[in-house]
């Protein structure tokens, strides 16, 4: 709740089956009314493409004014990206869907105070405001890839460890 309230993205990292996705979904439902959240989820897979990722994001954005997109006024749009490390790497090692998300979060102080997206038709930049990304991913291996620090630098990272046998009982 605190990360979303200050509009800071967070990443939950842990083994499969530790409940990362459940934690995020339950947390968003608890704070939905208190913080005026508009939550939505994007599930990544090895076949996820950058164009489709941007389309899914743009469906949720409202136009605030020329060159500015975001949530409805007075609300915070919270995008939960599950299995963020699943997209396949391209020839040069980049993961295009993750690069779209990185642009959304990227803020270059004094030059560009907001992250955003490129309008692919008009070839113009759109700032994105009042939007928070949160992600969950498992460790690399089994189809999951290493995600660059260039992307994860925007997030507060939390490890979700497997519960002990006593907790499960």
N, C-alpha and C. Protein backbone atom coordinates (compact mmCIF):
# COMPACT_ATOMS: atom_id res chain seq x y z
N UNK A 1 0.79 -1.18 0.00
CA UNK A 1 0.00 0.00 0.00
C UNK A 1 0.85 1.27 0.00
N UNK A 2 1.92 1.26 0.78
CA UNK A 2 2.76 2.45 0.90
C UNK A 2 3.44 2.76 -0.43
N UNK A 3 3.97 1.75 -1.10
CA UNK A 3 4.64 1.98 -2.38
C UNK A 3 3.69 2.61 -3.39
N UNK A 4 2.48 2.11 -3.47
CA UNK A 4 1.50 2.63 -4.42
C UNK A 4 1.10 4.05 -4.03
N UNK A 5 0.96 4.30 -2.74
CA UNK A 5 0.55 5.62 -2.26
C UNK A 5 1.55 6.70 -2.66
N UNK A 6 2.84 6.38 -2.66
CA UNK A 6 3.86 7.36 -3.06
C UNK A 6 4.25 7.18 -4.53
N UNK A 7 3.49 6.36 -5.23
CA UNK A 7 3.66 6.07 -6.65
C UNK A 7 5.06 5.56 -6.97
N UNK A 8 5.48 4.58 -6.18
CA UNK A 8 6.77 3.90 -6.38
C UNK A 8 6.47 2.46 -6.76
N UNK A 9 7.00 2.01 -7.89
CA UNK A 9 6.80 0.64 -8.30
C UNK A 9 7.49 -0.34 -7.37
N UNK A 10 6.99 -1.56 -7.33
CA UNK A 10 7.65 -2.59 -6.52
C UNK A 10 7.64 -3.91 -7.27
N UNK A 11 8.60 -4.75 -6.92
CA UNK A 11 8.73 -6.07 -7.54
C UNK A 11 8.78 -7.12 -6.46
N UNK A 12 7.96 -8.15 -6.61
CA UNK A 12 8.01 -9.31 -5.71
C UNK A 12 8.75 -10.41 -6.44
N UNK A 13 9.76 -10.96 -5.78
CA UNK A 13 10.59 -11.97 -6.40
C UNK A 13 10.62 -13.19 -5.50
N UNK A 14 10.41 -14.36 -6.07
CA UNK A 14 10.45 -15.58 -5.28
C UNK A 14 10.14 -16.79 -6.13
N UNK A 15 10.29 -17.94 -5.53
CA UNK A 15 10.05 -19.20 -6.22
C UNK A 15 8.58 -19.33 -6.63
N UNK A 16 8.33 -20.22 -7.57
CA UNK A 16 6.97 -20.51 -8.01
C UNK A 16 6.18 -21.09 -6.85
N UNK A 17 4.95 -20.65 -6.68
CA UNK A 17 4.09 -21.19 -5.62
C UNK A 17 4.20 -20.49 -4.29
N UNK A 18 4.91 -19.38 -4.21
CA UNK A 18 5.05 -18.68 -2.93
C UNK A 18 3.93 -17.65 -2.72
N UNK A 19 3.07 -17.45 -3.71
CA UNK A 19 1.93 -16.56 -3.53
C UNK A 19 2.17 -15.12 -3.91
N UNK A 20 3.13 -14.85 -4.77
CA UNK A 20 3.44 -13.47 -5.15
C UNK A 20 2.23 -12.79 -5.79
N UNK A 21 1.62 -13.45 -6.74
CA UNK A 21 0.48 -12.87 -7.45
C UNK A 21 -0.71 -12.65 -6.51
N UNK A 22 -0.94 -13.59 -5.62
CA UNK A 22 -2.04 -13.48 -4.66
C UNK A 22 -1.82 -12.29 -3.73
N UNK A 23 -0.58 -12.10 -3.29
CA UNK A 23 -0.25 -10.98 -2.41
C UNK A 23 -0.58 -9.65 -3.08
N UNK A 24 -0.19 -9.50 -4.35
CA UNK A 24 -0.43 -8.24 -5.05
C UNK A 24 -1.92 -8.02 -5.29
N UNK A 25 -2.62 -9.03 -5.77
CA UNK A 25 -4.05 -8.89 -6.06
C UNK A 25 -4.83 -8.59 -4.78
N UNK A 26 -4.53 -9.29 -3.71
CA UNK A 26 -5.22 -9.04 -2.43
C UNK A 26 -4.90 -7.64 -1.90
N UNK A 27 -3.63 -7.25 -2.01
CA UNK A 27 -3.24 -5.91 -1.55
C UNK A 27 -3.95 -4.82 -2.32
N UNK A 28 -4.06 -4.99 -3.64
CA UNK A 28 -4.76 -3.97 -4.44
C UNK A 28 -6.23 -3.90 -4.08
N UNK A 29 -6.85 -5.04 -3.81
CA UNK A 29 -8.27 -5.02 -3.46
C UNK A 29 -8.49 -4.37 -2.09
N UNK A 30 -7.54 -4.53 -1.16
CA UNK A 30 -7.66 -3.91 0.16
C UNK A 30 -7.57 -2.39 0.09
N UNK A 31 -6.69 -1.89 -0.78
CA UNK A 31 -6.44 -0.45 -0.85
C UNK A 31 -7.21 0.24 -1.98
N UNK A 32 -8.03 -0.49 -2.71
CA UNK A 32 -8.69 0.07 -3.88
C UNK A 32 -9.51 1.32 -3.56
N UNK A 33 -10.33 1.25 -2.55
CA UNK A 33 -11.18 2.41 -2.21
C UNK A 33 -10.39 3.48 -1.47
N UNK A 34 -9.55 3.08 -0.53
CA UNK A 34 -8.79 4.03 0.28
C UNK A 34 -7.89 4.93 -0.57
N UNK A 35 -7.21 4.34 -1.55
CA UNK A 35 -6.27 5.09 -2.37
C UNK A 35 -6.80 5.42 -3.77
N UNK A 36 -8.06 5.12 -4.03
CA UNK A 36 -8.68 5.34 -5.36
C UNK A 36 -7.87 4.67 -6.46
N UNK A 37 -7.66 3.37 -6.31
CA UNK A 37 -6.87 2.61 -7.28
C UNK A 37 -7.73 2.08 -8.41
N UNK A 38 -7.14 2.01 -9.58
CA UNK A 38 -7.76 1.35 -10.73
C UNK A 38 -6.77 0.26 -11.14
N UNK A 39 -6.93 -0.97 -10.62
CA UNK A 39 -5.95 -2.02 -10.89
C UNK A 39 -6.26 -2.80 -12.17
N UNK A 40 -5.21 -3.27 -12.83
CA UNK A 40 -5.37 -4.23 -13.92
C UNK A 40 -4.10 -5.06 -14.02
N UNK A 41 -4.22 -6.22 -14.63
CA UNK A 41 -3.12 -7.18 -14.67
C UNK A 41 -2.75 -7.51 -16.11
N UNK A 42 -1.45 -7.64 -16.35
CA UNK A 42 -0.93 -8.13 -17.62
C UNK A 42 -0.09 -9.36 -17.29
N UNK A 43 -0.39 -10.47 -17.94
CA UNK A 43 0.39 -11.70 -17.74
C UNK A 43 1.35 -11.87 -18.90
N UNK A 44 2.64 -11.92 -18.61
CA UNK A 44 3.64 -12.11 -19.65
C UNK A 44 3.89 -13.59 -19.89
N UNK A 45 4.25 -13.90 -21.13
CA UNK A 45 4.67 -15.25 -21.50
C UNK A 45 5.86 -15.11 -22.43
N UNK A 46 6.39 -16.23 -22.89
CA UNK A 46 7.55 -16.19 -23.80
C UNK A 46 7.18 -15.56 -25.13
N UNK A 47 5.89 -15.57 -25.50
CA UNK A 47 5.45 -15.02 -26.78
C UNK A 47 4.98 -13.58 -26.69
N UNK A 48 5.03 -12.96 -25.55
CA UNK A 48 4.56 -11.58 -25.39
C UNK A 48 5.37 -10.64 -26.28
N UNK A 49 4.68 -9.80 -27.03
CA UNK A 49 5.32 -8.86 -27.95
C UNK A 49 5.22 -7.43 -27.42
N UNK A 50 6.16 -6.58 -27.80
CA UNK A 50 6.19 -5.19 -27.34
C UNK A 50 4.96 -4.42 -27.80
N UNK A 51 4.55 -4.60 -29.05
CA UNK A 51 3.38 -3.88 -29.56
C UNK A 51 2.13 -4.22 -28.76
N UNK A 52 1.95 -5.48 -28.46
CA UNK A 52 0.77 -5.92 -27.70
C UNK A 52 0.82 -5.38 -26.27
N UNK A 53 2.00 -5.35 -25.68
CA UNK A 53 2.16 -4.80 -24.33
C UNK A 53 1.73 -3.34 -24.30
N UNK A 54 2.21 -2.57 -25.27
CA UNK A 54 1.85 -1.16 -25.33
C UNK A 54 0.35 -0.98 -25.58
N UNK A 55 -0.24 -1.80 -26.42
CA UNK A 55 -1.68 -1.72 -26.68
C UNK A 55 -2.47 -1.98 -25.40
N UNK A 56 -2.07 -2.99 -24.62
CA UNK A 56 -2.79 -3.30 -23.38
C UNK A 56 -2.71 -2.13 -22.40
N UNK A 57 -1.56 -1.47 -22.33
CA UNK A 57 -1.40 -0.30 -21.46
C UNK A 57 -2.27 0.86 -21.94
N UNK A 58 -2.21 1.14 -23.24
CA UNK A 58 -2.92 2.29 -23.79
C UNK A 58 -4.44 2.15 -23.67
N UNK A 59 -4.94 0.92 -23.63
CA UNK A 59 -6.37 0.71 -23.43
C UNK A 59 -6.84 1.24 -22.08
N UNK A 60 -5.95 1.25 -21.10
CA UNK A 60 -6.29 1.70 -19.75
C UNK A 60 -6.06 3.19 -19.53
N UNK A 61 -5.26 3.81 -20.38
CA UNK A 61 -4.96 5.24 -20.21
C UNK A 61 -6.10 6.12 -20.69
N UNK A 62 -6.25 7.25 -20.03
CA UNK A 62 -7.16 8.29 -20.49
C UNK A 62 -6.32 9.48 -20.90
N UNK A 63 -6.77 10.20 -21.89
CA UNK A 63 -6.04 11.38 -22.33
C UNK A 63 -6.36 12.52 -21.38
N UNK A 64 -5.32 13.07 -20.74
CA UNK A 64 -5.49 14.18 -19.80
C UNK A 64 -5.49 15.51 -20.55
N UNK A 65 -4.50 15.69 -21.39
CA UNK A 65 -4.37 16.86 -22.26
C UNK A 65 -3.39 16.46 -23.35
N UNK A 66 -3.06 17.35 -24.24
CA UNK A 66 -2.17 17.02 -25.34
C UNK A 66 -0.82 16.53 -24.81
N UNK A 67 -0.46 15.32 -25.19
CA UNK A 67 0.83 14.77 -24.80
C UNK A 67 0.89 14.18 -23.41
N UNK A 68 -0.25 14.07 -22.72
CA UNK A 68 -0.26 13.51 -21.36
C UNK A 68 -1.37 12.47 -21.24
N UNK A 69 -0.98 11.27 -20.83
CA UNK A 69 -1.92 10.17 -20.60
C UNK A 69 -1.82 9.76 -19.14
N UNK A 70 -2.82 9.02 -18.66
CA UNK A 70 -2.76 8.52 -17.29
C UNK A 70 -4.09 7.96 -16.86
N UNK A 71 -4.25 7.83 -15.56
CA UNK A 71 -5.50 7.33 -15.02
C UNK A 71 -6.54 8.45 -15.03
N UNK A 72 -7.76 8.11 -14.66
CA UNK A 72 -8.78 9.13 -14.52
C UNK A 72 -8.32 10.11 -13.43
N UNK A 73 -8.73 11.35 -13.53
CA UNK A 73 -8.32 12.37 -12.56
C UNK A 73 -8.73 11.93 -11.15
N UNK A 74 -7.78 12.03 -10.21
CA UNK A 74 -8.05 11.65 -8.82
C UNK A 74 -7.87 10.17 -8.54
N UNK A 75 -7.46 9.39 -9.52
CA UNK A 75 -7.26 7.95 -9.35
C UNK A 75 -5.81 7.61 -9.64
N UNK A 76 -5.40 6.43 -9.18
CA UNK A 76 -4.06 5.92 -9.48
C UNK A 76 -4.24 4.61 -10.24
N UNK A 77 -3.70 4.55 -11.44
CA UNK A 77 -3.75 3.35 -12.25
C UNK A 77 -2.61 2.44 -11.81
N UNK A 78 -2.93 1.22 -11.41
CA UNK A 78 -1.92 0.27 -10.93
C UNK A 78 -1.89 -0.91 -11.88
N UNK A 79 -0.77 -1.05 -12.57
CA UNK A 79 -0.60 -2.14 -13.53
C UNK A 79 0.27 -3.22 -12.89
N UNK A 80 -0.29 -4.38 -12.72
CA UNK A 80 0.46 -5.52 -12.18
C UNK A 80 0.90 -6.40 -13.35
N UNK A 81 2.20 -6.55 -13.52
CA UNK A 81 2.76 -7.38 -14.60
C UNK A 81 3.27 -8.66 -13.96
N UNK A 82 2.56 -9.75 -14.23
CA UNK A 82 2.92 -11.05 -13.66
C UNK A 82 3.90 -11.76 -14.59
N UNK A 83 4.85 -12.46 -14.03
CA UNK A 83 5.89 -13.18 -14.78
C UNK A 83 6.64 -12.24 -15.72
N UNK A 84 7.10 -11.13 -15.18
CA UNK A 84 7.75 -10.10 -15.99
C UNK A 84 9.01 -10.60 -16.70
N UNK A 85 9.62 -11.66 -16.19
CA UNK A 85 10.85 -12.14 -16.82
C UNK A 85 10.62 -13.26 -17.83
N UNK A 86 9.41 -13.46 -18.30
CA UNK A 86 9.11 -14.52 -19.26
C UNK A 86 9.38 -14.16 -20.72
N UNK A 87 9.26 -12.90 -21.16
CA UNK A 87 9.44 -12.63 -22.60
C UNK A 87 10.81 -13.09 -23.11
N UNK A 88 10.77 -13.62 -24.32
CA UNK A 88 12.00 -14.13 -24.94
C UNK A 88 12.94 -12.99 -25.29
N UNK A 89 14.21 -13.29 -25.25
CA UNK A 89 15.23 -12.31 -25.64
C UNK A 89 15.33 -12.27 -27.15
N UNK A 90 15.62 -11.09 -27.67
CA UNK A 90 15.84 -10.96 -29.11
C UNK A 90 17.32 -11.23 -29.41
N UNK A 91 17.71 -11.04 -30.67
CA UNK A 91 19.07 -11.32 -31.12
C UNK A 91 20.14 -10.65 -30.26
N UNK A 92 19.90 -9.39 -29.87
CA UNK A 92 20.92 -8.64 -29.14
C UNK A 92 20.75 -8.69 -27.63
N UNK A 93 19.85 -9.54 -27.15
CA UNK A 93 19.71 -9.75 -25.71
C UNK A 93 18.64 -8.92 -25.02
N UNK A 94 18.00 -8.00 -25.73
CA UNK A 94 16.95 -7.18 -25.13
C UNK A 94 15.64 -7.97 -25.07
N UNK A 95 14.75 -7.53 -24.20
CA UNK A 95 13.40 -8.10 -24.11
C UNK A 95 12.44 -6.95 -24.41
N UNK A 96 11.98 -6.80 -25.67
CA UNK A 96 11.19 -5.64 -26.08
C UNK A 96 9.98 -5.30 -25.20
N UNK A 97 9.18 -6.28 -24.73
CA UNK A 97 8.06 -5.91 -23.87
C UNK A 97 8.51 -5.22 -22.57
N UNK A 98 9.65 -5.66 -22.05
CA UNK A 98 10.17 -5.07 -20.82
C UNK A 98 10.70 -3.66 -21.11
N UNK A 99 11.24 -3.44 -22.29
CA UNK A 99 11.70 -2.10 -22.66
C UNK A 99 10.55 -1.11 -22.75
N UNK A 100 9.37 -1.57 -23.19
CA UNK A 100 8.18 -0.71 -23.20
C UNK A 100 7.83 -0.31 -21.77
N UNK A 101 7.87 -1.27 -20.86
CA UNK A 101 7.59 -0.98 -19.45
C UNK A 101 8.65 -0.05 -18.86
N UNK A 102 9.90 -0.23 -19.25
CA UNK A 102 10.97 0.61 -18.74
C UNK A 102 10.76 2.06 -19.16
N UNK A 103 10.37 2.28 -20.40
CA UNK A 103 10.08 3.64 -20.86
C UNK A 103 8.96 4.27 -20.05
N UNK A 104 7.98 3.45 -19.69
CA UNK A 104 6.85 3.94 -18.90
C UNK A 104 7.31 4.47 -17.55
N UNK A 105 8.32 3.84 -16.97
CA UNK A 105 8.83 4.22 -15.66
C UNK A 105 9.95 5.23 -15.71
N UNK A 106 10.64 5.31 -16.83
CA UNK A 106 11.87 6.10 -16.94
C UNK A 106 11.62 7.59 -16.78
N UNK A 107 12.35 8.20 -15.88
CA UNK A 107 12.24 9.63 -15.64
C UNK A 107 13.63 10.23 -15.71
N UNK A 108 13.84 11.14 -16.65
CA UNK A 108 15.11 11.83 -16.74
C UNK A 108 14.88 13.22 -16.16
N UNK A 109 15.37 13.42 -14.94
CA UNK A 109 15.11 14.67 -14.23
C UNK A 109 15.51 15.89 -15.06
N UNK A 110 14.72 16.92 -14.96
CA UNK A 110 14.90 18.21 -15.63
C UNK A 110 14.65 18.15 -17.13
N UNK A 111 14.85 17.01 -17.76
CA UNK A 111 14.59 16.92 -19.18
C UNK A 111 13.20 16.35 -19.42
N UNK A 112 12.92 15.23 -18.75
CA UNK A 112 11.62 14.59 -18.89
C UNK A 112 11.20 14.09 -17.51
N UNK A 113 10.36 14.85 -16.81
CA UNK A 113 10.03 14.47 -15.44
C UNK A 113 9.10 13.26 -15.32
N UNK A 114 8.53 12.78 -16.43
CA UNK A 114 7.63 11.63 -16.39
C UNK A 114 8.08 10.57 -17.39
N UNK A 115 7.80 9.33 -17.07
CA UNK A 115 7.99 8.28 -18.05
C UNK A 115 6.84 8.38 -19.04
N UNK A 116 6.84 7.51 -20.03
CA UNK A 116 5.75 7.58 -21.00
C UNK A 116 5.86 6.55 -22.08
N UNK A 117 5.12 6.79 -23.13
CA UNK A 117 5.10 5.89 -24.29
C UNK A 117 5.12 6.71 -25.57
N UNK A 118 5.63 6.11 -26.62
CA UNK A 118 5.61 6.74 -27.93
C UNK A 118 4.29 6.45 -28.60
N UNK A 119 3.68 7.47 -29.19
CA UNK A 119 2.50 7.27 -30.02
C UNK A 119 3.01 6.72 -31.34
N UNK A 120 2.67 5.49 -31.66
CA UNK A 120 3.23 4.82 -32.84
C UNK A 120 2.66 5.35 -34.14
N UNK A 121 1.51 6.01 -34.09
CA UNK A 121 0.93 6.56 -35.32
C UNK A 121 1.44 7.96 -35.60
N UNK A 122 1.42 8.83 -34.59
CA UNK A 122 1.85 10.23 -34.76
C UNK A 122 3.35 10.42 -34.55
N UNK A 123 4.02 9.39 -34.02
CA UNK A 123 5.45 9.45 -33.71
C UNK A 123 5.77 10.61 -32.77
N UNK A 124 4.96 10.72 -31.71
CA UNK A 124 5.18 11.75 -30.69
C UNK A 124 5.26 11.07 -29.32
N UNK A 125 5.86 11.78 -28.37
CA UNK A 125 6.01 11.28 -27.01
C UNK A 125 4.80 11.66 -26.19
N UNK A 126 4.30 10.74 -25.36
CA UNK A 126 3.22 11.01 -24.42
C UNK A 126 3.71 10.72 -23.01
N UNK A 127 3.69 11.73 -22.14
CA UNK A 127 3.99 11.50 -20.73
C UNK A 127 2.87 10.69 -20.12
N UNK A 128 3.22 9.85 -19.15
CA UNK A 128 2.21 9.06 -18.43
C UNK A 128 2.28 9.45 -16.96
N UNK A 129 1.14 9.86 -16.41
CA UNK A 129 1.07 10.31 -15.02
C UNK A 129 0.11 9.44 -14.22
N UNK A 130 0.26 9.47 -12.89
CA UNK A 130 -0.61 8.74 -11.96
C UNK A 130 -0.75 7.27 -12.32
N UNK A 131 0.38 6.66 -12.66
CA UNK A 131 0.41 5.25 -13.02
C UNK A 131 1.57 4.58 -12.29
N UNK A 132 1.29 3.44 -11.68
CA UNK A 132 2.31 2.69 -10.93
C UNK A 132 2.40 1.29 -11.51
N UNK A 133 3.61 0.84 -11.75
CA UNK A 133 3.85 -0.54 -12.18
C UNK A 133 4.28 -1.37 -10.99
N UNK A 134 3.74 -2.56 -10.88
CA UNK A 134 4.26 -3.51 -9.91
C UNK A 134 4.40 -4.85 -10.64
N UNK A 135 5.41 -5.61 -10.27
CA UNK A 135 5.72 -6.83 -11.00
C UNK A 135 5.97 -7.99 -10.05
N UNK A 136 5.91 -9.17 -10.61
CA UNK A 136 6.26 -10.39 -9.89
C UNK A 136 7.02 -11.28 -10.85
N UNK A 137 8.05 -11.95 -10.34
CA UNK A 137 8.78 -12.87 -11.19
C UNK A 137 9.49 -13.92 -10.33
N UNK A 138 9.74 -15.03 -10.97
CA UNK A 138 10.49 -16.10 -10.33
C UNK A 138 11.94 -16.03 -10.73
N UNK A 139 12.77 -16.90 -10.17
CA UNK A 139 14.19 -16.90 -10.52
C UNK A 139 14.40 -17.36 -11.96
N UNK A 140 15.48 -16.91 -12.60
CA UNK A 140 15.76 -17.33 -13.98
C UNK A 140 15.89 -18.84 -14.10
N UNK A 141 15.49 -19.34 -15.26
CA UNK A 141 15.55 -20.78 -15.52
C UNK A 141 14.16 -21.30 -15.84
N UNK A 142 14.08 -22.36 -16.60
CA UNK A 142 12.79 -22.94 -16.94
C UNK A 142 11.94 -22.02 -17.80
N UNK A 143 12.54 -21.31 -18.72
CA UNK A 143 11.80 -20.39 -19.59
C UNK A 143 11.84 -18.94 -19.11
N UNK A 144 12.24 -18.75 -17.86
CA UNK A 144 12.36 -17.38 -17.35
C UNK A 144 13.76 -16.86 -17.63
N UNK A 145 13.85 -15.58 -17.93
CA UNK A 145 15.13 -14.97 -18.29
C UNK A 145 15.59 -14.00 -17.21
N UNK A 146 16.85 -13.64 -17.30
CA UNK A 146 17.39 -12.60 -16.42
C UNK A 146 16.90 -11.26 -16.95
N UNK A 147 16.39 -10.41 -16.06
CA UNK A 147 15.94 -9.08 -16.44
C UNK A 147 17.05 -8.10 -16.08
N UNK A 148 17.28 -7.14 -16.95
CA UNK A 148 18.38 -6.21 -16.73
C UNK A 148 18.14 -5.31 -15.51
N UNK A 149 19.25 -4.91 -14.91
CA UNK A 149 19.17 -3.96 -13.80
C UNK A 149 18.63 -2.62 -14.27
N UNK A 150 18.77 -2.36 -15.55
CA UNK A 150 18.25 -1.12 -16.13
C UNK A 150 16.74 -0.99 -15.93
N UNK A 151 16.06 -2.12 -15.88
CA UNK A 151 14.61 -2.12 -15.63
C UNK A 151 14.32 -2.14 -14.13
N UNK A 152 14.98 -3.02 -13.40
CA UNK A 152 14.66 -3.19 -11.98
C UNK A 152 15.11 -2.03 -11.11
N UNK A 153 15.91 -1.10 -11.63
CA UNK A 153 16.36 0.03 -10.82
C UNK A 153 15.21 0.93 -10.40
N UNK A 154 14.06 0.84 -11.07
CA UNK A 154 12.92 1.68 -10.76
C UNK A 154 12.05 1.13 -9.63
N UNK A 155 12.36 -0.05 -9.13
CA UNK A 155 11.46 -0.73 -8.22
C UNK A 155 12.06 -0.94 -6.84
N UNK A 156 11.18 -0.94 -5.85
CA UNK A 156 11.54 -1.46 -4.53
C UNK A 156 11.36 -2.96 -4.65
N UNK A 157 12.37 -3.72 -4.27
CA UNK A 157 12.34 -5.17 -4.48
C UNK A 157 12.08 -5.89 -3.16
N UNK A 158 11.17 -6.85 -3.21
CA UNK A 158 10.84 -7.64 -2.03
C UNK A 158 10.93 -9.12 -2.38
N UNK A 159 11.60 -9.88 -1.52
CA UNK A 159 11.70 -11.32 -1.71
C UNK A 159 10.55 -12.00 -0.99
N UNK A 160 9.89 -12.91 -1.67
CA UNK A 160 8.82 -13.71 -1.05
C UNK A 160 9.34 -15.12 -0.96
N UNK A 161 9.64 -15.55 0.25
CA UNK A 161 10.20 -16.90 0.44
C UNK A 161 9.09 -17.91 0.63
N UNK A 162 9.42 -19.15 0.39
CA UNK A 162 8.44 -20.24 0.56
C UNK A 162 8.08 -20.37 2.04
N UNK A 163 6.81 -20.61 2.33
CA UNK A 163 6.42 -20.77 3.74
C UNK A 163 6.99 -22.07 4.32
N UNK A 164 7.24 -22.03 5.62
CA UNK A 164 7.76 -23.22 6.29
C UNK A 164 6.63 -24.26 6.46
N UNK A 165 7.00 -25.45 6.81
CA UNK A 165 6.01 -26.52 7.02
C UNK A 165 5.04 -26.16 8.14
N UNK A 166 5.55 -25.50 9.19
CA UNK A 166 4.69 -25.11 10.31
C UNK A 166 3.61 -24.13 9.85
N UNK A 167 4.00 -23.20 9.00
CA UNK A 167 3.02 -22.22 8.49
C UNK A 167 1.99 -22.93 7.60
N UNK A 168 2.44 -23.87 6.79
CA UNK A 168 1.51 -24.60 5.91
C UNK A 168 0.51 -25.43 6.71
N UNK A 169 0.95 -25.98 7.84
CA UNK A 169 0.04 -26.79 8.66
C UNK A 169 -0.92 -25.89 9.41
